[in-house]
C-alpha atoms as a PDB file:
ATOM      1  CA  HIS A   1       0.071   0.105  -0.193  1.00  0.00           C
ATOM      2  CA  PRO A   2       1.526   3.512  -0.966  1.00  0.00           C
ATOM      3  CA  ASN A   3       0.384   4.950   2.526  1.00  0.00           C
ATOM      4  CA  ILE A   4       1.994   2.441   4.685  1.00  0.00           C
ATOM      5  CA  SER A   5       5.996   2.113   4.700  1.00  0.00           C
ATOM      6  CA  SER A   6       6.908  -1.308   4.010  1.00  0.00           C
ATOM      7  CA  GLN A   7      10.137  -0.772   6.051  1.00  0.00           C
ATOM      8  CA  ILE A   8       8.757   0.629   9.247  1.00  0.00           C
ATOM      9  CA  GLY A   9       4.999   0.332   9.126  1.00  0.00           C
ATOM     10  CA  ALA A  10       4.453   4.048   9.448  1.00  0.00           C
ATOM     11  CA  ILE A  11       0.836   4.913   8.209  1.00  0.00           C
ATOM     12  CA  GLY A  12       0.283   8.065   6.321  1.00  0.00           C
ATOM     13  CA  LEU A  13      -3.004   9.330   7.824  1.00  0.00           C
ATOM     14  CA  ASP A  14      -3.032  12.804   9.074  1.00  0.00           C
ATOM     15  CA  ILE A  15      -5.307  12.298  11.924  1.00  0.00           C
ATOM     16  CA  LEU A  16      -2.696   9.864  13.298  1.00  0.00           C
ATOM     17  CA  LYS A  17      -0.120  12.834  12.984  1.00  0.00           C
ATOM     18  CA  ASN A  18      -0.553  16.536  12.542  1.00  0.00           C
ATOM     19  CA  ASN A  19      -4.192  16.648  12.796  1.00  0.00           C
ATOM     20  CA  TRP A  20      -4.928  14.388  15.693  1.00  0.00           C
ATOM     21  CA  SER A  21      -7.372  15.565  18.106  1.00  0.00           C
ATOM     22  CA  PRO A  22      -8.669  14.559  21.547  1.00  0.00           C
ATOM     23  CA  ALA A  23     -12.164  14.325  19.835  1.00  0.00           C
ATOM     24  CA  ILE A  24     -11.064  11.603  17.605  1.00  0.00           C
ATOM     25  CA  ASN A  25     -12.181   8.274  19.209  1.00  0.00           C
ATOM     26  CA  LEU A  26     -10.946   4.640  18.103  1.00  0.00           C
ATOM     27  CA  ARG A  27     -13.984   4.124  15.869  1.00  0.00           C
ATOM     28  CA  SER A  28     -13.628   7.362  13.814  1.00  0.00           C
ATOM     29  CA  ALA A  29      -9.740   6.659  13.519  1.00  0.00           C
ATOM     30  CA  GLN A  30     -10.835   2.959  12.322  1.00  0.00           C
ATOM     31  CA  ILE A  31     -13.113   4.414   9.863  1.00  0.00           C
ATOM     32  CA  CYS A  32     -10.498   6.723   8.254  1.00  0.00           C
ATOM     33  CA  LEU A  33      -7.930   4.194   8.181  1.00  0.00           C
ATOM     34  CA  GLN A  34     -10.416   1.886   6.396  1.00  0.00           C
ATOM     35  CA  ALA A  35     -11.055   4.552   3.813  1.00  0.00           C
ATOM     36  CA  LEU A  36      -7.191   5.130   3.151  1.00  0.00           C
ATOM     37  CA  LEU A  37      -6.829   1.507   2.834  1.00  0.00           C
ATOM     38  CA  SER A  38      -9.718   1.338   0.391  1.00  0.00           C
ATOM     39  CA  VAL A  39      -8.559   4.451  -1.627  1.00  0.00           C
ATOM     40  CA  PRO A  40      -4.978   4.781  -1.765  1.00  0.00           C
ATOM     41  CA  GLU A  41      -3.465   8.334  -1.955  1.00  0.00           C
ATOM     42  CA  PRO A  42      -0.300   7.573  -4.030  1.00  0.00           C
ATOM     43  CA  LYS A  43       0.562  11.114  -4.447  1.00  0.00           C
ATOM     44  CA  GLU A  44       1.439  11.364  -0.648  1.00  0.00           C
ATOM     45  CA  PRO A  45       2.914   8.017  -0.211  1.00  0.00           C
ATOM     46  CA  GLN A  46       4.761   6.653   2.691  1.00  0.00           C
ATOM     47  CA  ASP A  47       6.310   4.095   0.176  1.00  0.00           C
ATOM     48  CA  VAL A  48       7.625   5.661  -2.949  1.00  0.00           C
ATOM     49  CA  VAL A  49       8.413   2.420  -4.782  1.00  0.00           C
ATOM     50  CA  VAL A  50       4.976   1.138  -4.214  1.00  0.00           C
ATOM     51  CA  ALA A  51       3.374   4.521  -5.098  1.00  0.00           C
ATOM     52  CA  LYS A  52       5.248   4.575  -8.447  1.00  0.00           C
ATOM     53  CA  GLN A  53       4.082   0.889  -9.151  1.00  0.00           C
ATOM     54  CA  PHE A  54       0.538   1.914  -8.309  1.00  0.00           C
ATOM     55  CA  LEU A  55       0.384   4.798 -10.566  1.00  0.00           C
ATOM     56  CA  THR A  56       2.548   3.268 -13.515  1.00  0.00           C
ATOM     57  CA  GLY A  57       1.752  -0.591 -13.289  1.00  0.00           C
ATOM     58  CA  HIS A  58      -1.405  -1.122 -11.564  1.00  0.00           C
ATOM     59  CA  ALA A  59      -1.845  -4.663 -12.497  1.00  0.00           C
ATOM     60  CA  ALA A  60       1.594  -5.448 -11.079  1.00  0.00           C
ATOM     61  CA  PHE A  61       0.543  -3.337  -8.045  1.00  0.00           C
ATOM     62  CA  THR A  62      -2.693  -5.468  -7.644  1.00  0.00           C
ATOM     63  CA  ALA A  63      -0.784  -8.811  -8.101  1.00  0.00           C
ATOM     64  CA  THR A  64       1.871  -8.012  -5.438  1.00  0.00           C
ATOM     65  CA  ALA A  65      -1.014  -6.818  -3.143  1.00  0.00           C
ATOM     66  CA  ARG A  66      -2.816 -10.058  -3.751  1.00  0.00           C
ATOM     67  CA  ARG A  67       0.090 -12.264  -3.421  1.00  0.00           C
ATOM     68  CA  TRP A  68       1.318 -10.571   0.031  1.00  0.00           C
ATOM     69  CA  THR A  69      -2.202 -10.738   1.353  1.00  0.00           C
ATOM     70  CA  GLU A  70      -2.156 -14.515   0.783  1.00  0.00           C
ATOM     71  CA  ASP A  71       1.306 -14.951   2.189  1.00  0.00           C
ATOM     72  CA  PHE A  72       1.027 -12.674   5.294  1.00  0.00           C
ATOM     73  CA  ALA A  73      -2.435 -12.127   6.143  1.00  0.00           C
ATOM     74  CA  MET A  74      -4.565 -15.174   5.364  1.00  0.00           C
ATOM     75  CA  VAL A  75      -5.264 -18.201   7.699  1.00  0.00           C
ATOM     76  CA  SER A  76      -6.236 -21.477   6.590  1.00  0.00           C
ATOM     77  CA  SER A  77      -9.273 -23.113   7.896  1.00  0.00           C
ATOM     78  CA  ALA A  78      -7.273 -25.812   9.562  1.00  0.00           C
ATOM     79  CA  GLU A  79      -5.076 -23.319  11.323  1.00  0.00           C
ATOM     80  CA  TYR A  80      -8.024 -21.253  12.358  1.00  0.00           C
ATOM     81  CA  ASN A  81     -10.054 -24.195  13.585  1.00  0.00           C
ATOM     82  CA  ARG A  82      -6.708 -25.440  15.488  1.00  0.00           C
ATOM     83  CA  LYS A  83      -6.492 -21.892  17.170  1.00  0.00           C
ATOM     84  CA  VAL A  84     -10.119 -21.888  18.137  1.00  0.00           C
ATOM     85  CA  GLN A  85      -9.982 -25.226  19.575  1.00  0.00           C
ATOM     86  CA  LYS A  86      -6.912 -24.132  21.620  1.00  0.00           C
ATOM     87  CA  LEU A  87      -8.821 -21.166  23.064  1.00  0.00           C
ATOM     88  CA  ILE A  88     -12.003 -23.412  23.843  1.00  0.00           C
ATOM     89  CA  GLU A  89      -9.656 -25.840  25.798  1.00  0.00           C
ATOM     90  CA  MET A  90      -8.348 -23.079  27.754  1.00  0.00           C
ATOM     91  CA  GLY A  91     -11.993 -22.211  28.919  1.00  0.00           C
ATOM     92  CA  PHE A  92     -13.258 -19.740  26.691  1.00  0.00           C
ATOM     93  CA  PRO A  93     -16.845 -20.533  25.794  1.00  0.00           C
ATOM     94  CA  GLU A  94     -17.456 -21.909  22.202  1.00  0.00           C
ATOM     95  CA  ALA A  95     -20.399 -19.536  21.906  1.00  0.00           C
ATOM     96  CA  LEU A  96     -17.728 -16.594  21.361  1.00  0.00           C
ATOM     97  CA  ARG A  97     -16.542 -18.319  18.067  1.00  0.00           C
ATOM     98  CA  LEU A  98     -16.882 -15.906  14.986  1.00  0.00           C
END
């Protein structure tokens, strides 16, 4: 994502930096983050290489994003079920399962 540094994880979201206000609650911050993730701002990047790819080779950008999502953010059903079972064995009620 062009607005997240692939080196240090910094997020280019103004309400997390210069425009922070005590009136901003966690819910509104999450909504702003979701909007940024849904609609990248490549002209104000945290990662210049990703921003350039987003602007000049969008198909490659999308393929890379898909691969990184599959490699680093997806959990297999078997792994998910194993982790849920471990929580149940620790005493958490099964009714909390999502």
